[in-house]
């Protein structure tokens, strides 16, 4: 069974809101997966009692996160702060769907 190393820092948590009008559909889910893949930390997203891995596009889509949905991010690992900041930025910018250019 995979267990985190004993020296692993405690998880970081943050609440985010889906602000893009079409919710967490395929394109934003793909952006989340690509972003998460750039980090070694474990990145989980929770809606209610359902928690999924941010590296699984199908799992992200099963959340059914529409505009206004509150999600809890939990990130753990040596690069957790950077991973959390990058994921939160995607949510804050509405996945670049509100007329803002993509990076």
N, C-alpha and C. Protein backbone atom coordinates (compact mmCIF):
# COMPACT_ATOMS: atom_id res chain seq x y z
N UNK A 1 0.84 -1.18 0.00
CA UNK A 1 0.00 0.00 0.00
C UNK A 1 0.89 1.24 0.00
N UNK A 2 0.53 2.22 -0.80
CA UNK A 2 1.30 3.47 -0.84
C UNK A 2 1.02 4.30 0.39
N UNK A 3 2.07 4.57 1.15
CA UNK A 3 1.93 5.44 2.31
C UNK A 3 2.92 6.57 2.16
N UNK A 4 2.51 7.79 2.54
CA UNK A 4 3.43 8.91 2.41
C UNK A 4 4.63 8.72 3.33
N UNK A 5 5.78 9.25 2.93
CA UNK A 5 6.96 9.17 3.80
C UNK A 5 6.68 9.86 5.13
N UNK A 6 7.38 9.41 6.17
CA UNK A 6 7.16 9.98 7.50
C UNK A 6 7.50 11.46 7.58
N UNK A 7 8.41 11.93 6.71
CA UNK A 7 8.80 13.34 6.77
C UNK A 7 7.95 14.21 5.84
N UNK A 8 6.86 13.66 5.31
CA UNK A 8 6.00 14.43 4.43
C UNK A 8 5.31 15.54 5.22
N UNK A 9 5.31 16.76 4.72
CA UNK A 9 4.66 17.85 5.44
C UNK A 9 3.15 17.65 5.50
N UNK A 10 2.49 18.30 6.45
CA UNK A 10 1.03 18.15 6.54
C UNK A 10 0.37 18.71 5.28
N UNK A 11 -0.82 18.21 4.96
CA UNK A 11 -1.50 18.69 3.76
C UNK A 11 -1.94 20.15 3.89
N UNK A 12 -1.96 20.81 2.73
CA UNK A 12 -2.48 22.17 2.66
C UNK A 12 -3.89 22.09 2.10
N UNK A 13 -4.79 22.93 2.61
CA UNK A 13 -6.17 22.91 2.15
C UNK A 13 -6.62 24.32 1.78
N UNK A 14 -7.49 24.38 0.79
CA UNK A 14 -8.05 25.67 0.38
C UNK A 14 -9.41 25.42 -0.25
N UNK A 15 -10.33 26.32 -0.02
CA UNK A 15 -11.65 26.27 -0.65
C UNK A 15 -11.60 27.13 -1.90
N UNK A 16 -12.10 26.58 -3.01
CA UNK A 16 -12.19 27.33 -4.27
C UNK A 16 -13.62 27.25 -4.77
N UNK A 17 -13.96 28.18 -5.65
CA UNK A 17 -15.29 28.20 -6.25
C UNK A 17 -15.17 28.16 -7.77
N UNK A 18 -16.05 27.41 -8.39
CA UNK A 18 -16.10 27.36 -9.85
C UNK A 18 -16.83 28.63 -10.30
N UNK A 19 -16.12 29.51 -11.03
CA UNK A 19 -16.73 30.78 -11.44
C UNK A 19 -17.04 30.84 -12.93
N UNK A 20 -16.52 29.91 -13.70
CA UNK A 20 -16.80 29.96 -15.13
C UNK A 20 -18.22 29.45 -15.39
N UNK A 21 -18.95 30.11 -16.29
CA UNK A 21 -20.37 29.82 -16.49
C UNK A 21 -20.69 28.37 -16.86
N UNK A 22 -19.81 27.68 -17.55
CA UNK A 22 -20.10 26.30 -17.97
C UNK A 22 -19.60 25.26 -16.97
N UNK A 23 -19.07 25.71 -15.86
CA UNK A 23 -18.64 24.78 -14.82
C UNK A 23 -17.36 24.04 -15.19
N UNK A 24 -17.13 22.98 -14.46
CA UNK A 24 -15.90 22.18 -14.63
C UNK A 24 -16.17 21.11 -15.69
N UNK A 25 -16.20 21.55 -16.95
CA UNK A 25 -16.43 20.63 -18.07
C UNK A 25 -15.08 20.13 -18.58
N UNK A 26 -15.06 19.53 -19.76
CA UNK A 26 -13.86 18.83 -20.25
C UNK A 26 -12.63 19.73 -20.37
N UNK A 27 -12.77 20.94 -20.92
CA UNK A 27 -11.60 21.79 -21.13
C UNK A 27 -10.96 22.23 -19.80
N UNK A 28 -11.73 22.76 -18.85
CA UNK A 28 -11.10 23.11 -17.57
C UNK A 28 -10.56 21.89 -16.83
N UNK A 29 -11.24 20.76 -16.93
CA UNK A 29 -10.74 19.55 -16.28
C UNK A 29 -9.39 19.15 -16.89
N UNK A 30 -9.27 19.28 -18.20
CA UNK A 30 -8.00 18.99 -18.86
C UNK A 30 -6.90 19.94 -18.37
N UNK A 31 -7.24 21.22 -18.21
CA UNK A 31 -6.26 22.19 -17.70
C UNK A 31 -5.83 21.83 -16.28
N UNK A 32 -6.77 21.37 -15.46
CA UNK A 32 -6.43 20.96 -14.09
C UNK A 32 -5.48 19.77 -14.10
N UNK A 33 -5.78 18.77 -14.93
CA UNK A 33 -4.92 17.58 -15.02
C UNK A 33 -3.52 17.97 -15.48
N UNK A 34 -3.44 18.80 -16.51
CA UNK A 34 -2.12 19.23 -17.01
C UNK A 34 -1.34 19.99 -15.95
N UNK A 35 -2.04 20.85 -15.23
CA UNK A 35 -1.39 21.62 -14.16
C UNK A 35 -0.90 20.66 -13.06
N UNK A 36 -1.76 19.76 -12.62
CA UNK A 36 -1.40 18.82 -11.55
C UNK A 36 -0.23 17.94 -11.95
N UNK A 37 -0.17 17.56 -13.22
CA UNK A 37 0.92 16.71 -13.69
C UNK A 37 2.28 17.40 -13.60
N UNK A 38 2.30 18.70 -13.45
CA UNK A 38 3.55 19.43 -13.33
C UNK A 38 4.13 19.42 -11.93
N UNK A 39 3.44 18.75 -11.01
CA UNK A 39 3.88 18.72 -9.61
C UNK A 39 3.94 17.28 -9.12
N UNK A 40 4.76 17.07 -8.10
CA UNK A 40 4.88 15.74 -7.51
C UNK A 40 3.90 15.51 -6.38
N UNK A 41 3.36 16.57 -5.82
CA UNK A 41 2.44 16.46 -4.69
C UNK A 41 1.17 15.71 -5.07
N UNK A 42 0.55 15.13 -4.08
CA UNK A 42 -0.78 14.55 -4.23
C UNK A 42 -1.78 15.69 -4.19
N UNK A 43 -2.67 15.76 -5.19
CA UNK A 43 -3.64 16.86 -5.28
C UNK A 43 -5.03 16.25 -5.39
N UNK A 44 -5.85 16.49 -4.37
CA UNK A 44 -7.20 15.96 -4.34
C UNK A 44 -8.20 17.11 -4.35
N UNK A 45 -9.35 16.86 -4.98
CA UNK A 45 -10.44 17.84 -5.01
C UNK A 45 -11.68 17.18 -4.46
N UNK A 46 -12.37 17.89 -3.56
CA UNK A 46 -13.54 17.32 -2.90
C UNK A 46 -14.76 18.19 -3.10
N UNK A 47 -15.87 17.53 -3.43
CA UNK A 47 -17.18 18.18 -3.49
C UNK A 47 -18.10 17.37 -2.60
N UNK A 48 -18.54 17.98 -1.52
CA UNK A 48 -19.35 17.23 -0.55
C UNK A 48 -18.53 16.10 0.04
N UNK A 49 -19.04 14.89 -0.05
CA UNK A 49 -18.32 13.74 0.50
C UNK A 49 -17.48 13.02 -0.56
N UNK A 50 -17.54 13.49 -1.81
CA UNK A 50 -16.80 12.85 -2.89
C UNK A 50 -15.45 13.53 -3.11
N UNK A 51 -14.37 12.76 -3.00
CA UNK A 51 -13.02 13.28 -3.20
C UNK A 51 -12.37 12.53 -4.35
N UNK A 52 -11.75 13.29 -5.28
CA UNK A 52 -11.14 12.67 -6.46
C UNK A 52 -9.72 13.20 -6.65
N UNK A 53 -8.94 12.43 -7.38
CA UNK A 53 -7.57 12.79 -7.73
C UNK A 53 -7.60 13.81 -8.86
N UNK A 54 -6.85 14.87 -8.71
CA UNK A 54 -6.82 15.95 -9.71
C UNK A 54 -6.14 15.51 -11.00
N UNK A 55 -5.51 14.35 -11.01
CA UNK A 55 -4.84 13.86 -12.22
C UNK A 55 -5.75 12.97 -13.07
N UNK A 56 -7.00 12.82 -12.66
CA UNK A 56 -7.94 11.97 -13.39
C UNK A 56 -9.06 12.81 -13.98
N UNK A 57 -9.02 13.01 -15.30
CA UNK A 57 -10.03 13.86 -15.94
C UNK A 57 -11.43 13.27 -15.77
N UNK A 58 -11.56 11.96 -15.86
CA UNK A 58 -12.88 11.35 -15.70
C UNK A 58 -13.42 11.56 -14.29
N UNK A 59 -12.55 11.42 -13.30
CA UNK A 59 -12.98 11.65 -11.92
C UNK A 59 -13.41 13.10 -11.71
N UNK A 60 -12.66 14.03 -12.29
CA UNK A 60 -13.02 15.44 -12.16
C UNK A 60 -14.39 15.71 -12.78
N UNK A 61 -14.65 15.11 -13.92
CA UNK A 61 -15.93 15.32 -14.60
C UNK A 61 -17.10 14.72 -13.80
N UNK A 62 -16.86 13.64 -13.07
CA UNK A 62 -17.94 13.02 -12.29
C UNK A 62 -18.39 13.89 -11.12
N UNK A 63 -17.58 14.89 -10.75
CA UNK A 63 -17.98 15.78 -9.66
C UNK A 63 -19.21 16.62 -10.04
N UNK A 64 -19.41 16.85 -11.34
CA UNK A 64 -20.55 17.65 -11.77
C UNK A 64 -20.51 19.05 -11.17
N UNK A 65 -19.33 19.65 -11.15
CA UNK A 65 -19.15 20.97 -10.55
C UNK A 65 -19.61 22.07 -11.50
N UNK A 66 -20.76 22.63 -11.23
CA UNK A 66 -21.31 23.71 -12.04
C UNK A 66 -20.87 25.07 -11.49
N UNK A 67 -21.21 26.12 -12.21
CA UNK A 67 -20.87 27.46 -11.75
C UNK A 67 -21.40 27.67 -10.33
N UNK A 68 -20.54 28.20 -9.47
CA UNK A 68 -20.90 28.46 -8.08
C UNK A 68 -20.58 27.34 -7.12
N UNK A 69 -20.18 26.19 -7.64
CA UNK A 69 -19.85 25.05 -6.78
C UNK A 69 -18.62 25.34 -5.94
N UNK A 70 -18.71 24.99 -4.65
CA UNK A 70 -17.57 25.12 -3.74
C UNK A 70 -16.84 23.78 -3.70
N UNK A 71 -15.53 23.84 -3.88
CA UNK A 71 -14.69 22.64 -3.86
C UNK A 71 -13.56 22.84 -2.85
N UNK A 72 -13.14 21.75 -2.24
CA UNK A 72 -12.02 21.80 -1.30
C UNK A 72 -10.81 21.12 -1.93
N UNK A 73 -9.72 21.86 -2.02
CA UNK A 73 -8.45 21.32 -2.52
C UNK A 73 -7.62 20.85 -1.33
N UNK A 74 -7.02 19.68 -1.46
CA UNK A 74 -6.09 19.17 -0.45
C UNK A 74 -4.83 18.75 -1.20
N UNK A 75 -3.72 19.36 -0.83
CA UNK A 75 -2.46 19.12 -1.53
C UNK A 75 -1.40 18.74 -0.50
N UNK A 76 -0.67 17.66 -0.80
CA UNK A 76 0.38 17.22 0.13
C UNK A 76 1.60 16.77 -0.65
N UNK A 77 2.74 17.29 -0.22
CA UNK A 77 4.02 16.92 -0.83
C UNK A 77 5.00 18.06 -0.70
N UNK A 78 6.21 17.83 -1.18
CA UNK A 78 7.26 18.84 -1.01
C UNK A 78 7.01 20.09 -1.85
N UNK A 79 6.25 19.99 -2.92
CA UNK A 79 5.96 21.17 -3.74
C UNK A 79 4.49 21.60 -3.62
N UNK A 80 3.89 21.28 -2.48
CA UNK A 80 2.46 21.53 -2.27
C UNK A 80 2.09 23.01 -2.37
N UNK A 81 2.92 23.89 -1.83
CA UNK A 81 2.59 25.32 -1.87
C UNK A 81 2.49 25.83 -3.31
N UNK A 82 3.45 25.45 -4.14
CA UNK A 82 3.43 25.87 -5.54
C UNK A 82 2.27 25.23 -6.29
N UNK A 83 2.01 23.97 -6.02
CA UNK A 83 0.90 23.27 -6.67
C UNK A 83 -0.43 23.91 -6.30
N UNK A 84 -0.61 24.19 -5.02
CA UNK A 84 -1.86 24.80 -4.56
C UNK A 84 -2.05 26.18 -5.19
N UNK A 85 -0.99 26.96 -5.25
CA UNK A 85 -1.08 28.29 -5.86
C UNK A 85 -1.47 28.21 -7.33
N UNK A 86 -0.88 27.27 -8.06
CA UNK A 86 -1.16 27.13 -9.49
C UNK A 86 -2.60 26.68 -9.73
N UNK A 87 -3.08 25.72 -8.95
CA UNK A 87 -4.45 25.22 -9.11
C UNK A 87 -5.44 26.32 -8.73
N UNK A 88 -5.19 27.02 -7.64
CA UNK A 88 -6.09 28.10 -7.22
C UNK A 88 -6.15 29.20 -8.27
N UNK A 89 -5.03 29.49 -8.90
CA UNK A 89 -5.01 30.52 -9.95
C UNK A 89 -5.92 30.14 -11.11
N UNK A 90 -5.93 28.87 -11.49
CA UNK A 90 -6.83 28.42 -12.56
C UNK A 90 -8.29 28.69 -12.18
N UNK A 91 -8.66 28.35 -10.95
CA UNK A 91 -10.03 28.59 -10.50
C UNK A 91 -10.35 30.09 -10.45
N UNK A 92 -9.41 30.88 -9.91
CA UNK A 92 -9.64 32.32 -9.78
C UNK A 92 -9.79 33.00 -11.13
N UNK A 93 -9.14 32.47 -12.14
CA UNK A 93 -9.22 33.06 -13.48
C UNK A 93 -10.31 32.41 -14.32
N UNK A 94 -11.13 31.57 -13.72
CA UNK A 94 -12.22 30.94 -14.45
C UNK A 94 -11.74 30.07 -15.59
N UNK A 95 -10.55 29.50 -15.44
CA UNK A 95 -9.96 28.65 -16.47
C UNK A 95 -9.85 29.37 -17.79
N UNK A 96 -9.69 30.68 -17.72
CA UNK A 96 -9.50 31.54 -18.90
C UNK A 96 -10.71 31.50 -19.83
N UNK A 97 -11.89 31.27 -19.27
CA UNK A 97 -13.10 31.21 -20.07
C UNK A 97 -13.92 32.49 -19.98
N UNK A 98 -13.50 33.43 -19.18
CA UNK A 98 -14.26 34.68 -19.01
C UNK A 98 -13.63 35.81 -19.80
N UNK A 99 -13.16 35.49 -20.99
CA UNK A 99 -12.57 36.52 -21.86
C UNK A 99 -11.14 36.84 -21.52
N UNK A 100 -10.52 36.06 -20.66
CA UNK A 100 -9.11 36.29 -20.32
C UNK A 100 -8.24 35.36 -21.15
N UNK A 101 -7.10 35.84 -21.61
CA UNK A 101 -6.23 35.00 -22.43
C UNK A 101 -5.61 33.86 -21.64
N UNK A 102 -5.37 32.75 -22.31
CA UNK A 102 -4.68 31.61 -21.68
C UNK A 102 -3.20 31.94 -21.53
N UNK A 103 -2.56 31.32 -20.53
CA UNK A 103 -1.12 31.58 -20.33
C UNK A 103 -0.29 31.01 -21.44
